[in-house]
Amino acid sequence: MGIECQALDGKIELDCSIFRGNVMLDFNELAMFVQVVRAGSFTEAARRLHMPTATLSRRIDQLEGQVGARLLHRSTRKLAPSSEGQALFERCASALDQLFEIERHNAGRQAPSGSIRVTAMAALFEFLRMEWLVEFHMRYPDISIDFLLDDTPTDLIAERIDLALRSGIETGSGFRVRRLAPNAMILAASPAYLERRPAPRTLRALAEHDCLTISNRHGRNTWRLHGPRGRQEVSVNSRFAFNDMRVLMQACKAGLGIALLPQLMTEQTIAQGELVRVLPNYQRASNDLGLQLVYTSRLPVPPAVEVFAEFLKAKLSEEWPSTRAGRPSACPPD
């Protein structure tokens, strides 16, 4: 019951008597199957692969459909390969290991190169120092970076983005995300504004205040906040809207209204007395809405993208110790 494996442009051709003749299999799905068998569970394999468990399960279903055989026996308590699955694992796992080792070896012999398109909040260079870019260029002179700075959500695929540094923006489940810090969005206003308008005492009272928001194409201004009663929503009166977080903060400091601002960017301003927290028991806090790196590439991530992401994470960890806990938490699009 032999199985022969041959790589063909990202596919694996199997000639095996236990399957329906020659079948073409997706290389990545075969690697996922091997990882599931080794991990002994979809949950653990998904954690190792940095992808959602549901996505991994669906890809294995697709693999079983292609070979026309059940590869895994699933139950609520255990997972084990079928006889066909065990045969496939035994004959192809070592071959895949060798291929990945060759890829890692070749990647290590060549310095990363190429162009990277990076999108980030407009205030990126308020905390990302230019000398960091100088240091990165000295290390990787063959990598060029195109920065697109905008506080409004960017269509990562349409804009051909390789890497996004986001804060306070929801990211779809189809991307691999590395969370750097649970950057809460907090309510703040200037002392001058609060002299004119007493600070709201309830979340509902926000609707009676002048609020400053990020521009959006939908025209609705709803803040979703977490507080003593859990998650709540409030519709606010957007007196001024901006598509630049730096300008939003300047408007808030000038006394134009109450704003929802990233805590990491406002801590020093509050400490200096230029801004005051409003409704301190409420904030928009979620791992998904924190400071995060978003990869749009399928695995493996291009070396140029990976080295810049690691460099950026290391520098931010030095600047903000709270970013040291970041780790990948999702996967590329199917």
Protein backbone atom coordinates (compact mmCIF):
# COMPACT_ATOMS: atom_id res chain seq x y z
CA MET A 1 0.00 0.00 0.00
CA GLY A 2 2.62 2.53 -1.16
CA ILE A 3 2.18 6.24 -1.51
CA GLU A 4 4.42 8.34 -3.77
CA CYS A 5 4.59 12.11 -3.25
CA GLN A 6 5.70 14.65 -5.82
CA ALA A 7 5.57 18.44 -5.50
CA LEU A 8 3.96 20.22 -8.44
CA ASP A 9 3.60 24.02 -8.19
CA GLY A 10 2.15 24.05 -4.71
CA LYS A 11 0.23 20.80 -5.24
CA ILE A 12 1.06 17.23 -4.23
CA GLU A 13 0.38 14.41 -6.71
CA LEU A 14 -0.44 11.13 -5.00
CA ASP A 15 -0.32 7.75 -6.70
CA CYS A 16 -1.81 5.42 -4.11
CA SER A 17 -3.94 2.31 -4.29
CA ILE A 18 -5.99 3.27 -1.21
CA PHE A 19 -7.28 6.39 -2.99
CA ARG A 20 -9.07 6.88 -6.28
CA GLY A 21 -6.08 6.78 -8.62
CA ASN A 22 -3.93 9.90 -9.03
CA VAL A 23 -5.21 12.94 -7.12
CA MET A 24 -3.86 16.48 -6.88
CA LEU A 25 -3.78 17.81 -3.34
CA ASP A 26 -3.14 21.27 -2.01
CA PHE A 27 0.32 21.39 -0.44
CA ASN A 28 -0.86 23.60 2.46
CA GLU A 29 -3.82 21.33 3.27
CA LEU A 30 -1.54 18.31 3.39
CA ALA A 31 0.78 20.17 5.77
CA MET A 32 -2.25 21.09 7.92
CA PHE A 33 -3.31 17.45 8.05
CA VAL A 34 0.15 16.40 9.25
CA GLN A 35 0.03 19.05 11.97
CA VAL A 36 -3.42 17.87 13.14
CA VAL A 37 -2.22 14.30 13.45
CA ARG A 38 0.87 15.38 15.38
CA ALA A 39 -1.09 17.69 17.67
CA GLY A 40 -3.83 15.17 18.34
CA SER A 41 -6.55 17.83 18.17
CA PHE A 42 -7.84 20.54 15.89
CA THR A 43 -7.62 23.11 18.67
CA GLU A 44 -3.93 22.55 19.38
CA ALA A 45 -3.05 22.28 15.69
CA ALA A 46 -4.89 25.53 14.97
CA ARG A 47 -2.94 27.22 17.76
CA ARG A 48 0.36 26.04 16.30
CA LEU A 49 -0.66 27.14 12.81
CA HIS A 50 -2.04 30.51 14.05
CA MET A 51 -5.39 30.01 12.39
CA PRO A 52 -9.04 29.58 13.48
CA THR A 53 -10.06 26.04 14.40
CA ALA A 54 -13.11 26.24 12.13
CA THR A 55 -10.94 27.16 9.14
CA LEU A 56 -8.55 24.28 9.83
CA SER A 57 -11.43 21.81 10.11
CA ARG A 58 -12.88 23.04 6.82
CA ARG A 59 -9.54 22.64 5.04
CA ILE A 60 -9.21 19.07 6.29
CA ASP A 61 -12.75 18.36 5.06
CA GLN A 62 -11.66 19.63 1.64
CA LEU A 63 -8.61 17.36 1.71
CA GLU A 64 -10.76 14.34 2.55
CA GLY A 65 -13.09 15.25 -0.29
CA GLN A 66 -10.20 15.36 -2.73
CA VAL A 67 -8.78 11.97 -1.76
CA GLY A 68 -12.24 10.43 -1.42
CA ALA A 69 -11.49 8.85 1.95
CA ARG A 70 -11.96 9.57 5.63
CA LEU A 71 -8.55 10.55 7.00
CA LEU A 72 -9.51 11.29 10.59
CA HIS A 73 -11.91 9.74 13.08
CA ARG A 74 -13.44 12.59 15.10
CA SER A 75 -15.31 12.47 18.37
CA THR A 76 -15.94 14.92 21.19
CA ARG A 77 -13.18 13.31 23.26
CA LYS A 78 -10.49 12.20 20.84
CA LEU A 79 -9.19 12.46 17.32
CA ALA A 80 -7.27 9.70 15.57
CA PRO A 81 -6.21 9.02 11.98
CA SER A 82 -8.03 6.34 10.01
CA SER A 83 -6.00 3.59 8.36
CA GLU A 84 -5.89 5.66 5.18
CA GLY A 85 -4.96 8.76 7.14
CA GLN A 86 -2.21 6.94 9.03
CA ALA A 87 -0.76 5.62 5.76
CA LEU A 88 -0.80 9.11 4.25
CA PHE A 89 0.82 10.58 7.35
CA GLU A 90 3.59 8.00 7.57
CA ARG A 91 4.65 8.36 3.95
CA CYS A 92 4.32 12.13 3.50
CA ALA A 93 5.08 13.72 6.89
CA SER A 94 8.85 13.25 6.63
CA ALA A 95 8.85 14.46 3.02
CA LEU A 96 7.03 17.64 4.05
CA ASP A 97 9.49 18.17 6.90
CA GLN A 98 12.38 17.94 4.44
CA LEU A 99 10.75 20.39 2.04
CA PHE A 100 10.15 22.94 4.82
CA GLU A 101 13.72 22.50 6.05
CA ILE A 102 15.06 23.15 2.54
CA GLU A 103 12.88 26.24 2.31
CA ARG A 104 14.12 27.55 5.66
CA HIS A 105 17.73 26.83 4.67
CA ASN A 106 17.42 28.65 1.35
CA ALA A 107 15.65 31.58 2.97
CA GLY A 108 18.46 31.88 5.50
CA ARG A 109 21.08 32.09 2.74
CA GLN A 110 19.52 35.11 1.06
CA ALA A 111 19.07 38.53 2.60
CA PRO A 112 15.40 39.61 2.49
CA SER A 113 14.63 42.00 -0.34
CA GLY A 114 11.71 43.58 -2.16
CA SER A 115 9.07 46.22 -1.62
CA ILE A 116 6.55 46.31 1.25
CA ARG A 117 3.33 48.30 1.36
CA VAL A 118 2.45 49.23 4.93
CA THR A 119 -0.69 51.01 6.11
CA ALA A 120 -0.96 52.56 9.56
CA MET A 121 -2.68 55.27 11.56
CA ALA A 122 -1.82 58.80 10.49
CA ALA A 123 -0.08 59.37 13.83
CA LEU A 124 2.35 56.50 13.23
CA PHE A 125 5.42 58.69 13.25
CA GLU A 126 4.36 60.31 16.48
CA PHE A 127 5.78 57.22 18.19
CA LEU A 128 7.68 55.38 15.44
CA ARG A 129 11.03 57.10 15.36
CA MET A 130 12.78 57.91 12.11
CA GLU A 131 16.06 56.60 13.52
CA TRP A 132 14.38 53.19 13.70
CA LEU A 133 13.89 53.30 9.93
CA VAL A 134 17.52 54.29 9.51
CA GLU A 135 18.55 51.27 11.58
CA PHE A 136 16.25 48.97 9.59
CA HIS A 137 17.64 50.28 6.29
CA MET A 138 21.19 49.65 7.48
CA ARG A 139 20.28 46.04 8.28
CA TYR A 140 18.20 45.40 5.15
CA PRO A 141 19.30 47.78 2.40
CA ASP A 142 17.45 45.78 -0.29
CA ILE A 143 14.01 46.32 1.28
CA SER A 144 11.94 49.37 0.33
CA ILE A 145 8.80 50.42 2.23
CA ASP A 146 5.78 52.35 0.97
CA PHE A 147 3.80 53.83 3.88
CA LEU A 148 0.09 54.66 3.50
CA LEU A 149 -1.01 56.63 6.57
CA ASP A 150 -4.75 56.97 7.19
CA ASP A 151 -7.01 56.67 10.22
CA THR A 152 -9.97 55.42 8.20
CA PRO A 153 -10.18 51.66 7.50
CA THR A 154 -8.24 50.67 4.39
CA ASP A 155 -9.25 47.87 2.03
CA LEU A 156 -6.11 45.81 2.57
CA ILE A 157 -6.60 43.64 -0.50
CA ALA A 158 -7.65 46.39 -2.94
CA GLU A 159 -4.74 48.60 -1.82
CA ARG A 160 -2.30 45.68 -2.12
CA ILE A 161 -1.22 46.07 1.51
CA ASP A 162 1.38 43.65 2.88
CA LEU A 163 1.28 44.72 6.52
CA ALA A 164 -1.06 46.92 8.55
CA LEU A 165 -0.42 48.50 11.92
CA ARG A 166 -3.86 49.22 13.32
CA SER A 167 -5.39 50.55 16.50
CA GLY A 168 -9.09 50.68 17.27
CA ILE A 169 -10.12 49.23 13.89
CA GLU A 170 -11.92 45.91 13.57
CA THR A 171 -10.09 43.43 11.34
CA GLY A 172 -11.81 40.62 9.47
CA SER A 173 -11.21 37.04 10.52
CA GLY A 174 -9.53 36.23 7.20
CA PHE A 175 -6.20 37.80 8.16
CA ARG A 176 -3.34 36.72 10.38
CA VAL A 177 -3.21 39.14 13.30
CA ARG A 178 -0.45 39.70 15.83
CA ARG A 179 -1.81 41.60 18.79
CA LEU A 180 0.74 43.94 20.29
CA ALA A 181 -1.22 45.59 23.09
CA PRO A 182 -4.84 45.75 24.31
CA ASN A 183 -4.96 49.45 23.46
CA ALA A 184 -8.13 50.74 25.07
CA MET A 185 -9.98 53.66 23.53
CA ILE A 186 -10.94 56.10 26.27
CA LEU A 187 -13.20 59.14 26.49
CA ALA A 188 -11.46 62.45 27.05
CA ALA A 189 -12.09 66.19 26.89
CA SER A 190 -10.12 69.34 27.61
CA PRO A 191 -10.45 71.24 30.90
CA ALA A 192 -11.76 74.22 28.87
CA TYR A 193 -14.62 72.17 27.39
CA LEU A 194 -15.55 70.75 30.78
CA GLU A 195 -15.68 74.27 32.23
CA ARG A 196 -18.33 75.18 29.66
CA ARG A 197 -20.16 71.85 29.72
CA PRO A 198 -20.20 69.79 32.93
CA ALA A 199 -18.86 66.28 32.37
CA PRO A 200 -21.55 63.68 31.62
CA ARG A 201 -22.34 61.39 34.52
CA THR A 202 -24.01 58.65 32.50
CA LEU A 203 -23.34 57.09 29.14
CA ARG A 204 -26.72 58.26 27.86
CA ALA A 205 -25.75 61.85 28.65
CA LEU A 206 -23.04 61.68 25.97
CA ALA A 207 -25.79 62.19 23.39
CA GLU A 208 -26.28 65.72 24.76
CA HIS A 209 -22.62 66.68 24.31
CA ASP A 210 -20.51 67.79 21.38
CA CYS A 211 -18.47 64.77 20.31
CA LEU A 212 -15.49 64.46 18.00
CA THR A 213 -15.32 61.40 15.77
CA ILE A 214 -13.30 59.71 13.06
CA SER A 215 -14.79 60.30 9.61
CA ASN A 216 -16.77 57.41 8.21
CA ARG A 217 -18.66 56.80 4.99
CA HIS A 218 -21.80 55.50 6.68
CA GLY A 219 -22.85 58.69 8.42
CA ARG A 220 -23.67 56.88 11.68
CA ASN A 221 -21.78 57.69 14.85
CA THR A 222 -22.25 54.99 17.43
CA TRP A 223 -19.75 54.32 20.19
CA ARG A 224 -19.67 50.77 21.55
CA LEU A 225 -18.24 50.85 25.03
CA HIS A 226 -17.61 48.46 27.89
CA GLY A 227 -18.61 49.54 31.38
CA PRO A 228 -20.08 48.34 34.67
CA ARG A 229 -23.10 46.90 32.84
CA GLY A 230 -21.08 45.22 30.14
CA ARG A 231 -21.14 46.28 26.51
CA GLN A 232 -23.36 49.25 25.70
CA GLU A 233 -23.94 51.47 22.68
CA VAL A 234 -24.61 55.17 22.50
CA SER A 235 -25.36 57.35 19.48
CA VAL A 236 -23.37 60.57 19.69
CA ASN A 237 -23.69 64.00 18.12
CA SER A 238 -20.61 64.36 15.91
CA ARG A 239 -19.86 68.08 15.98
CA PHE A 240 -16.62 67.61 14.03
CA ALA A 241 -15.23 64.54 12.27
CA PHE A 242 -11.66 64.00 11.09
CA ASN A 243 -9.86 61.25 9.23
CA ASP A 244 -6.61 61.89 11.14
CA MET A 245 -6.24 60.82 14.78
CA ARG A 246 -3.65 63.53 15.38
CA VAL A 247 -6.07 66.24 14.29
CA LEU A 248 -8.82 64.62 16.36
CA MET A 249 -6.62 64.88 19.45
CA GLN A 250 -5.72 68.49 18.66
CA ALA A 251 -9.41 69.35 18.34
CA CYS A 252 -10.10 67.65 21.65
CA LYS A 253 -7.31 69.60 23.37
CA ALA A 254 -8.67 72.82 21.83
CA GLY A 255 -11.98 72.26 23.63
CA LEU A 256 -14.21 71.37 20.70
CA GLY A 257 -15.78 68.35 22.37
CA ILE A 258 -15.43 64.85 23.82
CA ALA A 259 -13.40 62.32 21.84
CA LEU A 260 -12.74 58.58 21.90
CA LEU A 261 -8.94 58.35 21.77
CA PRO A 262 -6.31 55.58 21.99
CA GLN A 263 -5.11 55.33 25.57
CA LEU A 264 -1.51 54.67 24.53
CA MET A 265 -1.44 57.97 22.64
CA THR A 266 -3.16 60.04 25.33
CA GLU A 267 -1.52 58.87 28.57
CA GLN A 268 1.14 61.59 28.51
CA THR A 269 -1.36 64.28 27.48
CA ILE A 270 -3.61 63.40 30.42
CA ALA A 271 -0.64 63.33 32.81
CA GLN A 272 0.26 66.84 31.67
CA GLY A 273 -3.26 68.08 32.35
CA GLU A 274 -4.09 68.92 28.72
CA LEU A 275 -6.90 66.37 28.68
CA VAL A 276 -9.17 64.86 31.32
CA ARG A 277 -10.78 61.41 31.23
CA VAL A 278 -14.55 61.44 30.89
CA LEU A 279 -16.67 58.58 32.25
CA PRO A 280 -13.54 56.68 33.36
CA ASN A 281 -15.55 53.51 34.01
CA TYR A 282 -16.21 53.20 30.28
CA GLN A 283 -13.82 52.37 27.49
CA ARG A 284 -13.70 50.56 24.20
CA ALA A 285 -11.39 47.69 25.05
CA SER A 286 -10.98 44.49 23.11
CA ASN A 287 -8.05 42.39 21.93
CA ASP A 288 -9.44 42.80 18.43
CA LEU A 289 -9.40 46.59 18.75
CA GLY A 290 -5.99 46.99 20.32
CA LEU A 291 -2.71 47.79 18.69
CA GLN A 292 -2.16 45.03 16.17
CA LEU A 293 -0.10 43.95 13.18
CA VAL A 294 -2.20 42.52 10.37
CA TYR A 295 -0.63 40.30 7.71
CA THR A 296 -2.38 39.91 4.36
CA SER A 297 0.02 37.30 2.92
CA ARG A 298 -0.61 33.60 2.97
CA LEU A 299 1.80 31.42 4.90
CA PRO A 300 4.72 31.43 4.64
CA VAL A 301 4.94 35.22 5.06
CA PRO A 302 7.39 36.83 2.59
CA PRO A 303 10.79 37.30 4.30
CA ALA A 304 10.82 41.07 3.76
CA VAL A 305 7.42 41.41 5.46
CA GLU A 306 8.38 39.09 8.30
CA VAL A 307 11.66 40.84 9.17
CA PHE A 308 10.03 44.28 9.15
CA ALA A 309 7.16 43.03 11.34
CA GLU A 310 9.60 41.49 13.83
CA PHE A 311 11.75 44.63 13.81
CA LEU A 312 8.72 46.83 14.41
CA LYS A 313 7.44 44.60 17.21
CA ALA A 314 10.84 44.64 18.94
CA LYS A 315 11.09 48.43 18.78
CA LEU A 316 7.54 48.93 20.06
CA SER A 317 8.27 46.50 22.89
CA GLU A 318 11.16 48.70 23.94
CA GLU A 319 8.99 51.82 23.75
CA TRP A 320 5.84 50.29 25.30
CA PRO A 321 6.52 47.28 27.57
CA SER A 322 2.82 46.31 27.33
CA THR A 323 3.38 45.20 23.71
CA ARG A 324 5.66 42.31 24.71
CA ALA A 325 2.79 39.87 25.07
CA GLY A 326 1.81 40.08 21.40
CA ARG A 327 1.59 36.84 19.44
CA PRO A 328 -0.04 35.66 16.23
CA SER A 329 -3.70 34.83 16.63
CA ALA A 330 -5.22 34.20 13.24
CA CYS A 331 -4.45 33.03 9.75
CA PRO A 332 -4.32 34.20 6.16
CA PRO A 333 -7.42 34.14 4.00
CA ASP A 334 -8.52 30.76 2.73
